[in-house]
Amino acid sequence: VFGHKKERGSDFNIEVRLLPIEWELWKFIYSPTPHIGVHINSEGNTNQIFLGGNWLFNLGAGFFGGGSLGFALHDGELDTNIRGRKDLGLPILFRESLEIGFRIDSRHAVSLMLDHISNASIDDQNEGLDTVGIRYTAGF
């Protein structure tokens, strides 16, 4: 989405969100929902496994918004001149995401999501990788 180099292919995203942890510290930071997931690229470019905390807020009339903070482990290029590949710098990166959506019913939702992985300029190579997509959520 952002940046000069684009990686080709579609990313298939599977994410599992758990119940919030009932610790006092967790309540102090608005009870994020722990999550773990994967991005699998259809063209063999950067794949990732990620984990972190997710916050969702009810916006009324079935709409919600939120975001997440965490870390991603990826198999992408760290420092490359390969056309169409990102210079990600480090194998473990910070991961942030934003999401806005609509709850169809108590178990199903559709949302627009944007996520970003980068090393926050800890390394000289830090192009970052952004993904935008449509997400379908099913609760169990």
Protein backbone atom coordinates (compact mmCIF):
# COMPACT_ATOMS: atom_id res chain seq x y z
CA VAL A 1 0.00 0.00 0.00
CA PHE A 2 2.71 2.49 0.98
CA GLY A 3 6.35 2.64 -0.13
CA HIS A 4 8.18 2.40 -3.43
CA LYS A 5 8.53 -1.35 -3.89
CA LYS A 6 5.46 -3.57 -4.15
CA GLU A 7 5.40 -7.31 -3.52
CA ARG A 8 3.12 -9.23 -5.86
CA GLY A 9 0.44 -11.70 -4.96
CA SER A 10 -2.45 -11.91 -2.57
CA ASP A 11 -2.12 -12.58 1.13
CA PHE A 12 -4.38 -15.14 2.77
CA ASN A 13 -4.85 -14.20 6.43
CA ILE A 14 -5.95 -16.55 9.20
CA GLU A 15 -6.16 -15.12 12.69
CA VAL A 16 -7.38 -16.54 16.00
CA ARG A 17 -8.50 -14.11 18.68
CA LEU A 18 -8.73 -15.39 22.24
CA LEU A 19 -10.74 -14.13 25.21
CA PRO A 20 -9.29 -11.12 27.07
CA ILE A 21 -6.98 -11.89 29.98
CA GLU A 22 -8.44 -10.89 33.35
CA TRP A 23 -5.25 -9.38 34.83
CA GLU A 24 -5.37 -5.92 36.45
CA LEU A 25 -2.59 -4.69 34.12
CA TRP A 26 -4.63 -5.90 31.13
CA LYS A 27 -7.65 -3.91 32.35
CA PHE A 28 -5.40 -0.84 32.69
CA ILE A 29 -4.60 -1.08 28.96
CA TYR A 30 -8.29 -1.62 28.03
CA SER A 31 -8.24 -5.46 27.94
CA PRO A 32 -6.77 -6.29 24.56
CA THR A 33 -7.72 -9.64 23.06
CA PRO A 34 -4.62 -11.80 22.50
CA HIS A 35 -4.32 -13.02 18.93
CA ILE A 36 -2.07 -15.18 16.76
CA GLY A 37 -2.19 -15.49 13.00
CA VAL A 38 -0.46 -16.03 9.68
CA HIS A 39 -0.20 -14.24 6.34
CA ILE A 40 0.53 -16.57 3.42
CA ASN A 41 1.52 -14.91 0.14
CA SER A 42 0.17 -16.53 -3.05
CA GLU A 43 3.32 -15.64 -5.08
CA GLY A 44 5.90 -16.98 -2.62
CA ASN A 45 6.86 -13.51 -1.40
CA THR A 46 6.89 -12.51 2.27
CA ASN A 47 4.92 -14.81 4.60
CA GLN A 48 4.55 -14.08 8.28
CA ILE A 49 3.35 -15.47 11.57
CA PHE A 50 2.28 -12.85 14.11
CA LEU A 51 0.96 -12.39 17.63
CA GLY A 52 -0.10 -9.51 19.80
CA GLY A 53 -3.03 -7.73 21.41
CA ASN A 54 -6.17 -6.56 19.62
CA TRP A 55 -8.59 -3.82 20.71
CA LEU A 56 -12.13 -3.56 19.29
CA PHE A 57 -14.61 -0.81 20.12
CA ASN A 58 -18.35 -0.74 19.44
CA LEU A 59 -19.22 2.33 17.34
CA GLY A 60 -22.98 1.77 17.43
CA ALA A 61 -25.56 0.49 14.92
CA GLY A 62 -23.52 -2.69 14.36
CA PHE A 63 -20.31 -0.87 13.41
CA PHE A 64 -16.98 -1.39 15.18
CA GLY A 65 -13.40 -0.19 14.90
CA GLY A 66 -10.12 -1.19 16.39
CA GLY A 67 -6.50 -2.00 16.02
CA SER A 68 -3.69 -4.21 17.21
CA LEU A 69 -0.07 -4.10 18.32
CA GLY A 70 2.36 -6.99 18.31
CA PHE A 71 5.22 -8.74 16.55
CA ALA A 72 5.69 -10.68 13.32
CA LEU A 73 8.25 -13.29 12.30
CA HIS A 74 8.65 -13.32 8.50
CA ASP A 75 10.51 -15.12 5.72
CA GLY A 76 11.00 -12.03 3.55
CA GLU A 77 14.22 -10.38 2.40
CA LEU A 78 16.34 -8.53 4.97
CA ASP A 79 18.54 -6.59 2.50
CA THR A 80 18.01 -7.15 -1.22
CA ASN A 81 18.19 -5.65 -4.67
CA ILE A 82 15.62 -8.10 -6.04
CA ARG A 83 12.95 -6.18 -7.94
CA GLY A 84 9.56 -6.48 -6.29
CA ARG A 85 10.89 -7.51 -2.88
CA LYS A 86 11.01 -5.39 0.26
CA ASP A 87 14.13 -4.73 2.39
CA LEU A 88 12.72 -5.57 5.83
CA GLY A 89 15.99 -5.41 7.78
CA LEU A 90 15.28 -7.80 10.66
CA PRO A 91 13.56 -11.20 10.87
CA ILE A 92 11.27 -10.12 13.74
CA LEU A 93 9.30 -6.92 13.17
CA PHE A 94 6.72 -4.80 14.92
CA ARG A 95 3.18 -5.28 13.61
CA GLU A 96 0.29 -2.82 13.83
CA SER A 97 -3.17 -3.01 12.31
CA LEU A 98 -6.36 -0.99 11.94
CA GLU A 99 -9.83 -2.35 11.25
CA ILE A 100 -13.31 -0.94 10.71
CA GLY A 101 -16.31 -3.15 10.11
CA PHE A 102 -19.92 -4.16 10.55
CA ARG A 103 -21.35 -6.98 12.71
CA ILE A 104 -23.83 -9.01 10.68
CA ASP A 105 -25.03 -10.80 13.83
CA SER A 106 -23.51 -11.90 17.17
CA ARG A 107 -21.10 -14.35 15.47
CA HIS A 108 -20.36 -12.88 12.03
CA ALA A 109 -18.75 -9.64 10.83
CA VAL A 110 -17.17 -8.09 7.75
CA SER A 111 -14.43 -5.48 7.96
CA LEU A 112 -11.80 -3.51 6.07
CA MET A 113 -8.34 -4.02 7.55
CA LEU A 114 -4.87 -2.55 7.11
CA ASP A 115 -1.75 -3.98 8.71
CA HIS A 116 1.87 -2.90 8.70
CA ILE A 117 5.11 -4.63 9.67
CA SER A 118 8.44 -2.83 10.06
CA ASN A 119 11.42 -2.53 12.39
CA ALA A 120 10.72 1.09 13.40
CA SER A 121 14.12 2.16 11.97
CA ILE A 122 16.09 -0.03 14.38
CA ASP A 123 17.93 -1.31 11.28
CA ASP A 124 19.15 0.70 8.27
CA GLN A 125 16.90 -1.41 6.01
CA ASN A 126 13.29 -0.65 6.95
CA GLU A 127 10.92 -0.47 3.99
CA GLY A 128 8.08 -2.07 5.90
CA LEU A 129 5.28 -4.10 4.36
CA ASP A 130 1.62 -3.07 4.29
CA THR A 131 -1.41 -5.22 3.58
CA VAL A 132 -4.97 -4.03 2.99
CA GLY A 133 -7.92 -6.35 2.66
CA ILE A 134 -11.44 -7.39 3.45
CA ARG A 135 -11.89 -9.67 6.45
CA TYR A 136 -14.73 -12.05 7.25
CA THR A 137 -14.97 -12.99 10.92
CA ALA A 138 -16.77 -16.03 12.35
CA GLY A 139 -17.03 -16.46 16.12
CA PHE A 140 -16.92 -19.86 17.79
